[in-house]
Amino acid sequence: MDAGSCNGCEIEIAGAFNPVYDAERYGARLVASPRHADVALVTGPVTRNMAEPLRRTVAAMPEPRLVVAIGDCAINCGEFAGGYGVEGAVSDVVPVDLAVPGCPPEPGEIVAALRRVTGR
């Protein structure tokens, strides 16, 4: 879920699922609905307009659910810290289970995080 990012992390997440990194071989799949998701990948600082949708998205996920903050902005707001439209980091809005630092993190680091949560 993009909570207010510059889209750099989304590009790297897409790269993690391309044929080179192939995150699907470790049991990770991208799904269209939070009701089908075990893990939420959240990018960007959480903007004021996205705080409630993020809460609702995570609440719609079945238990047990995990939230992974992808990128520096998701972890500590990065370049957007202190901005008037920023609610805060992902962990300020929903509980975060794993953080992947970087601006943006490389696809290999995202795959490693997914392997940690899938146990593969």
N, C-alpha and C. Protein backbone atom coordinates (compact mmCIF):
# COMPACT_ATOMS: atom_id res chain seq x y z
N MET A 1 0.85 -1.18 0.00
CA MET A 1 0.00 0.00 0.00
C MET A 1 0.89 1.24 0.00
N ASP A 2 0.60 2.13 -0.90
CA ASP A 2 1.31 3.40 -0.97
C ASP A 2 0.58 4.37 -0.05
N ALA A 3 1.24 4.76 1.04
CA ALA A 3 0.61 5.66 2.01
C ALA A 3 1.02 7.11 1.79
N GLY A 4 1.77 7.38 0.72
CA GLY A 4 2.17 8.75 0.42
C GLY A 4 3.58 8.85 -0.12
N SER A 5 4.06 7.84 -0.78
CA SER A 5 5.46 7.81 -1.22
C SER A 5 5.69 8.52 -2.54
N CYS A 6 6.95 8.55 -2.94
CA CYS A 6 7.34 9.14 -4.22
C CYS A 6 7.28 8.10 -5.34
N ASN A 7 6.93 6.88 -5.03
CA ASN A 7 6.81 5.74 -5.93
C ASN A 7 8.12 5.02 -6.22
N GLY A 8 9.22 5.46 -5.63
CA GLY A 8 10.48 4.75 -5.82
C GLY A 8 10.43 3.36 -5.22
N CYS A 9 9.84 3.23 -4.04
CA CYS A 9 9.76 1.92 -3.39
C CYS A 9 8.83 0.98 -4.13
N GLU A 10 7.75 1.51 -4.72
CA GLU A 10 6.84 0.67 -5.50
C GLU A 10 7.54 0.08 -6.71
N ILE A 11 8.41 0.86 -7.33
CA ILE A 11 9.17 0.36 -8.48
C ILE A 11 10.08 -0.79 -8.04
N GLU A 12 10.70 -0.65 -6.88
CA GLU A 12 11.58 -1.71 -6.38
C GLU A 12 10.79 -2.95 -5.94
N ILE A 13 9.58 -2.75 -5.40
CA ILE A 13 8.72 -3.89 -5.06
C ILE A 13 8.36 -4.64 -6.34
N ALA A 14 8.00 -3.91 -7.39
CA ALA A 14 7.70 -4.55 -8.67
C ALA A 14 8.92 -5.31 -9.17
N GLY A 15 10.10 -4.73 -8.97
CA GLY A 15 11.34 -5.41 -9.36
C GLY A 15 11.57 -6.69 -8.60
N ALA A 16 11.12 -6.73 -7.35
CA ALA A 16 11.29 -7.94 -6.54
C ALA A 16 10.46 -9.10 -7.07
N PHE A 17 9.43 -8.78 -7.86
CA PHE A 17 8.57 -9.82 -8.43
C PHE A 17 8.85 -10.08 -9.90
N ASN A 18 9.90 -9.46 -10.45
CA ASN A 18 10.23 -9.70 -11.85
C ASN A 18 11.01 -11.01 -11.98
N PRO A 19 11.29 -11.48 -13.20
CA PRO A 19 11.97 -12.76 -13.36
C PRO A 19 13.38 -12.84 -12.76
N VAL A 20 14.04 -11.71 -12.57
CA VAL A 20 15.39 -11.74 -12.01
C VAL A 20 15.36 -12.10 -10.52
N TYR A 21 14.52 -11.45 -9.74
CA TYR A 21 14.46 -11.68 -8.30
C TYR A 21 13.40 -12.71 -7.91
N ASP A 22 12.31 -12.77 -8.63
CA ASP A 22 11.26 -13.78 -8.53
C ASP A 22 10.85 -14.13 -7.10
N ALA A 23 10.29 -13.15 -6.41
CA ALA A 23 9.86 -13.36 -5.03
C ALA A 23 8.80 -14.46 -4.91
N GLU A 24 8.08 -14.75 -5.98
CA GLU A 24 7.05 -15.78 -5.93
C GLU A 24 7.61 -17.17 -5.66
N ARG A 25 8.86 -17.41 -6.02
CA ARG A 25 9.44 -18.74 -5.75
C ARG A 25 9.59 -19.00 -4.26
N TYR A 26 9.49 -17.95 -3.44
CA TYR A 26 9.57 -18.10 -1.99
C TYR A 26 8.20 -18.05 -1.33
N GLY A 27 7.15 -18.16 -2.12
CA GLY A 27 5.81 -18.20 -1.57
C GLY A 27 5.13 -16.86 -1.42
N ALA A 28 5.73 -15.79 -1.90
CA ALA A 28 5.11 -14.46 -1.82
C ALA A 28 4.37 -14.18 -3.13
N ARG A 29 3.16 -13.67 -3.02
CA ARG A 29 2.37 -13.30 -4.18
C ARG A 29 1.72 -11.95 -3.93
N LEU A 30 1.59 -11.16 -4.98
CA LEU A 30 0.87 -9.90 -4.87
C LEU A 30 -0.61 -10.21 -5.08
N VAL A 31 -1.47 -9.68 -4.21
CA VAL A 31 -2.91 -9.89 -4.33
C VAL A 31 -3.61 -8.55 -4.38
N ALA A 32 -4.81 -8.54 -4.93
CA ALA A 32 -5.54 -7.30 -5.14
C ALA A 32 -6.34 -6.83 -3.93
N SER A 33 -6.62 -7.72 -3.01
CA SER A 33 -7.48 -7.38 -1.88
C SER A 33 -6.78 -7.65 -0.56
N PRO A 34 -6.93 -6.77 0.42
CA PRO A 34 -6.33 -7.05 1.73
C PRO A 34 -6.95 -8.29 2.39
N ARG A 35 -8.14 -8.66 1.99
CA ARG A 35 -8.78 -9.85 2.55
C ARG A 35 -8.07 -11.14 2.13
N HIS A 36 -7.22 -11.06 1.11
CA HIS A 36 -6.47 -12.22 0.64
C HIS A 36 -4.99 -12.14 1.04
N ALA A 37 -4.63 -11.13 1.81
CA ALA A 37 -3.22 -10.88 2.13
C ALA A 37 -2.87 -11.30 3.55
N ASP A 38 -1.70 -11.86 3.70
CA ASP A 38 -1.14 -12.18 5.01
C ASP A 38 -0.17 -11.09 5.46
N VAL A 39 0.42 -10.40 4.49
CA VAL A 39 1.44 -9.38 4.75
C VAL A 39 1.10 -8.13 3.96
N ALA A 40 1.18 -6.98 4.60
CA ALA A 40 1.01 -5.70 3.92
C ALA A 40 2.37 -5.04 3.78
N LEU A 41 2.74 -4.72 2.54
CA LEU A 41 3.94 -3.94 2.29
C LEU A 41 3.49 -2.49 2.19
N VAL A 42 3.97 -1.65 3.09
CA VAL A 42 3.53 -0.25 3.13
C VAL A 42 4.72 0.65 2.82
N THR A 43 4.51 1.59 1.89
CA THR A 43 5.58 2.50 1.48
C THR A 43 5.18 3.94 1.78
N GLY A 44 6.19 4.76 1.93
CA GLY A 44 5.99 6.19 2.09
C GLY A 44 5.63 6.62 3.50
N PRO A 45 5.77 7.92 3.76
CA PRO A 45 5.27 8.44 5.02
C PRO A 45 3.75 8.40 4.94
N VAL A 46 3.09 8.23 6.04
CA VAL A 46 1.63 8.18 6.01
C VAL A 46 1.10 9.61 6.00
N THR A 47 0.43 9.97 4.92
CA THR A 47 -0.15 11.31 4.84
C THR A 47 -1.44 11.36 5.66
N ARG A 48 -1.86 12.54 5.98
CA ARG A 48 -3.09 12.69 6.77
C ARG A 48 -4.29 12.05 6.07
N ASN A 49 -4.34 12.15 4.75
CA ASN A 49 -5.45 11.57 4.00
C ASN A 49 -5.38 10.05 3.92
N MET A 50 -4.21 9.46 4.15
CA MET A 50 -4.07 8.01 4.01
C MET A 50 -4.03 7.27 5.34
N ALA A 51 -4.02 7.97 6.46
CA ALA A 51 -3.94 7.31 7.77
C ALA A 51 -5.13 6.37 8.01
N GLU A 52 -6.32 6.86 7.81
CA GLU A 52 -7.51 6.02 8.03
C GLU A 52 -7.62 4.89 7.01
N PRO A 53 -7.39 5.14 5.71
CA PRO A 53 -7.40 4.02 4.77
C PRO A 53 -6.37 2.95 5.11
N LEU A 54 -5.20 3.35 5.62
CA LEU A 54 -4.20 2.37 6.03
C LEU A 54 -4.72 1.54 7.19
N ARG A 55 -5.29 2.19 8.19
CA ARG A 55 -5.85 1.45 9.33
C ARG A 55 -6.92 0.46 8.87
N ARG A 56 -7.79 0.89 7.98
CA ARG A 56 -8.86 0.03 7.49
C ARG A 56 -8.33 -1.13 6.65
N THR A 57 -7.31 -0.86 5.87
CA THR A 57 -6.72 -1.91 5.04
C THR A 57 -6.11 -2.99 5.92
N VAL A 58 -5.34 -2.59 6.91
CA VAL A 58 -4.72 -3.57 7.81
C VAL A 58 -5.80 -4.31 8.60
N ALA A 59 -6.84 -3.62 9.04
CA ALA A 59 -7.92 -4.27 9.78
C ALA A 59 -8.66 -5.29 8.91
N ALA A 60 -8.70 -5.08 7.60
CA ALA A 60 -9.39 -6.00 6.69
C ALA A 60 -8.60 -7.28 6.44
N MET A 61 -7.33 -7.30 6.80
CA MET A 61 -6.51 -8.49 6.58
C MET A 61 -6.84 -9.56 7.61
N PRO A 62 -6.83 -10.83 7.20
CA PRO A 62 -7.09 -11.90 8.16
C PRO A 62 -5.93 -12.05 9.15
N GLU A 63 -6.24 -12.55 10.32
CA GLU A 63 -5.20 -12.85 11.33
C GLU A 63 -4.56 -14.19 10.99
N PRO A 64 -3.32 -14.42 11.28
CA PRO A 64 -2.34 -13.44 11.74
C PRO A 64 -1.87 -12.59 10.56
N ARG A 65 -1.71 -11.33 10.79
CA ARG A 65 -1.29 -10.42 9.73
C ARG A 65 0.01 -9.75 10.12
N LEU A 66 0.78 -9.42 9.11
CA LEU A 66 2.06 -8.74 9.32
C LEU A 66 2.10 -7.47 8.48
N VAL A 67 2.78 -6.47 9.00
CA VAL A 67 2.98 -5.22 8.27
C VAL A 67 4.48 -5.01 8.12
N VAL A 68 4.90 -4.77 6.87
CA VAL A 68 6.30 -4.51 6.58
C VAL A 68 6.42 -3.08 6.05
N ALA A 69 7.20 -2.25 6.73
CA ALA A 69 7.46 -0.88 6.29
C ALA A 69 8.63 -0.92 5.31
N ILE A 70 8.37 -0.50 4.08
CA ILE A 70 9.37 -0.56 3.02
C ILE A 70 9.91 0.84 2.75
N GLY A 71 11.20 1.04 2.99
CA GLY A 71 11.86 2.30 2.68
C GLY A 71 11.98 3.23 3.88
N ASP A 72 12.91 4.15 3.76
CA ASP A 72 13.19 5.10 4.84
C ASP A 72 11.98 5.96 5.18
N CYS A 73 11.21 6.35 4.18
CA CYS A 73 10.04 7.20 4.45
C CYS A 73 9.00 6.48 5.28
N ALA A 74 8.82 5.19 5.04
CA ALA A 74 7.87 4.41 5.83
C ALA A 74 8.37 4.22 7.25
N ILE A 75 9.68 4.17 7.41
CA ILE A 75 10.27 3.93 8.72
C ILE A 75 10.33 5.20 9.56
N ASN A 76 10.78 6.33 8.95
CA ASN A 76 10.96 7.55 9.74
C ASN A 76 10.55 8.83 9.01
N CYS A 77 9.74 8.70 7.98
CA CYS A 77 9.23 9.81 7.15
C CYS A 77 10.27 10.37 6.19
N GLY A 78 11.54 9.99 6.31
CA GLY A 78 12.57 10.40 5.37
C GLY A 78 12.55 11.88 5.06
N GLU A 79 12.58 12.20 3.77
CA GLU A 79 12.59 13.59 3.31
C GLU A 79 11.33 14.36 3.69
N PHE A 80 10.27 13.64 3.99
CA PHE A 80 8.98 14.28 4.24
C PHE A 80 8.73 14.56 5.73
N ALA A 81 9.68 14.23 6.59
CA ALA A 81 9.51 14.44 8.04
C ALA A 81 9.18 15.89 8.33
N GLY A 82 8.14 16.09 9.12
CA GLY A 82 7.74 17.44 9.51
C GLY A 82 6.84 18.15 8.52
N GLY A 83 6.53 17.49 7.41
CA GLY A 83 5.66 18.11 6.42
C GLY A 83 4.25 18.31 6.96
N TYR A 84 3.58 19.35 6.52
CA TYR A 84 2.26 19.67 7.06
C TYR A 84 1.22 18.60 6.74
N GLY A 85 1.41 17.85 5.67
CA GLY A 85 0.43 16.83 5.29
C GLY A 85 0.78 15.44 5.77
N VAL A 86 1.84 15.32 6.58
CA VAL A 86 2.33 14.01 7.02
C VAL A 86 1.81 13.69 8.41
N GLU A 87 1.14 12.57 8.51
CA GLU A 87 0.66 12.07 9.81
C GLU A 87 1.81 11.48 10.62
N GLY A 88 2.70 10.77 9.94
CA GLY A 88 3.85 10.17 10.60
C GLY A 88 4.34 8.95 9.86
N ALA A 89 5.23 8.21 10.50
CA ALA A 89 5.74 6.96 9.94
C ALA A 89 4.65 5.90 10.02
N VAL A 90 4.84 4.81 9.31
CA VAL A 90 3.86 3.73 9.31
C VAL A 90 3.62 3.23 10.74
N SER A 91 4.69 3.10 11.52
CA SER A 91 4.56 2.60 12.89
C SER A 91 3.79 3.55 13.80
N ASP A 92 3.62 4.79 13.39
CA ASP A 92 2.80 5.74 14.16
C ASP A 92 1.31 5.50 13.94
N VAL A 93 0.97 4.76 12.88
CA VAL A 93 -0.43 4.56 12.50
C VAL A 93 -0.88 3.12 12.73
N VAL A 94 -0.04 2.15 12.36
CA VAL A 94 -0.34 0.73 12.56
C VAL A 94 0.91 0.04 13.09
N PRO A 95 0.76 -1.08 13.81
CA PRO A 95 1.94 -1.81 14.28
C PRO A 95 2.75 -2.37 13.11
N VAL A 96 4.06 -2.21 13.17
CA VAL A 96 4.96 -2.70 12.12
C VAL A 96 5.74 -3.89 12.66
N ASP A 97 5.79 -4.96 11.87
CA ASP A 97 6.49 -6.18 12.27
C ASP A 97 7.91 -6.25 11.73
N LEU A 98 8.16 -5.60 10.60
CA LEU A 98 9.48 -5.67 9.97
C LEU A 98 9.69 -4.39 9.18
N ALA A 99 10.91 -3.88 9.19
CA ALA A 99 11.25 -2.67 8.43
C ALA A 99 12.39 -2.98 7.47
N VAL A 100 12.28 -2.46 6.26
CA VAL A 100 13.31 -2.63 5.24
C VAL A 100 13.84 -1.24 4.89
N PRO A 101 15.01 -0.86 5.43
CA PRO A 101 15.52 0.49 5.18
C PRO A 101 16.07 0.65 3.77
N GLY A 102 16.17 1.88 3.35
CA GLY A 102 16.73 2.22 2.05
C GLY A 102 15.91 3.28 1.38
N CYS A 103 16.53 3.97 0.41
CA CYS A 103 15.81 5.03 -0.30
C CYS A 103 16.13 4.94 -1.79
N PRO A 104 15.45 4.07 -2.46
CA PRO A 104 14.60 2.97 -2.01
C PRO A 104 15.45 1.73 -1.75
N PRO A 105 14.91 0.76 -1.01
CA PRO A 105 15.65 -0.49 -0.82
C PRO A 105 15.72 -1.26 -2.13
N GLU A 106 16.78 -2.01 -2.30
CA GLU A 106 16.95 -2.80 -3.53
C GLU A 106 15.99 -3.98 -3.53
N PRO A 107 15.61 -4.47 -4.71
CA PRO A 107 14.70 -5.61 -4.77
C PRO A 107 15.19 -6.83 -3.98
N GLY A 108 16.49 -7.06 -3.97
CA GLY A 108 17.04 -8.19 -3.22
C GLY A 108 16.77 -8.07 -1.72
N GLU A 109 16.81 -6.85 -1.20
CA GLU A 109 16.51 -6.64 0.22
C GLU A 109 15.03 -6.87 0.52
N ILE A 110 14.17 -6.50 -0.42
CA ILE A 110 12.74 -6.73 -0.26
C ILE A 110 12.45 -8.22 -0.30
N VAL A 111 13.09 -8.93 -1.21
CA VAL A 111 12.92 -10.39 -1.28
C VAL A 111 13.41 -11.04 0.01
N ALA A 112 14.53 -10.57 0.54
CA ALA A 112 15.04 -11.12 1.80
C ALA A 112 14.03 -10.92 2.93
N ALA A 113 13.40 -9.76 2.98
CA ALA A 113 12.37 -9.50 4.00
C ALA A 113 11.18 -10.43 3.81
N LEU A 114 10.75 -10.60 2.57
CA LEU A 114 9.64 -11.51 2.28
C LEU A 114 9.99 -12.95 2.66
N ARG A 115 11.23 -13.34 2.43
CA ARG A 115 11.67 -14.68 2.83
C ARG A 115 11.62 -14.84 4.34
N ARG A 116 11.95 -13.78 5.05
CA ARG A 116 11.88 -13.84 6.51
C ARG A 116 10.44 -14.07 6.99
N VAL A 117 9.50 -13.38 6.38
CA VAL A 117 8.12 -13.51 6.83
C VAL A 117 7.42 -14.76 6.31
N THR A 118 7.88 -15.29 5.16
CA THR A 118 7.28 -16.52 4.65
C THR A 118 7.96 -17.76 5.22
N GLY A 119 9.13 -17.57 5.81
CA GLY A 119 9.87 -18.71 6.36
C GLY A 119 10.56 -19.57 5.32
N ARG A 120 10.74 -19.02 4.14
CA ARG A 120 11.39 -19.80 3.06
C ARG A 120 12.75 -19.25 2.72
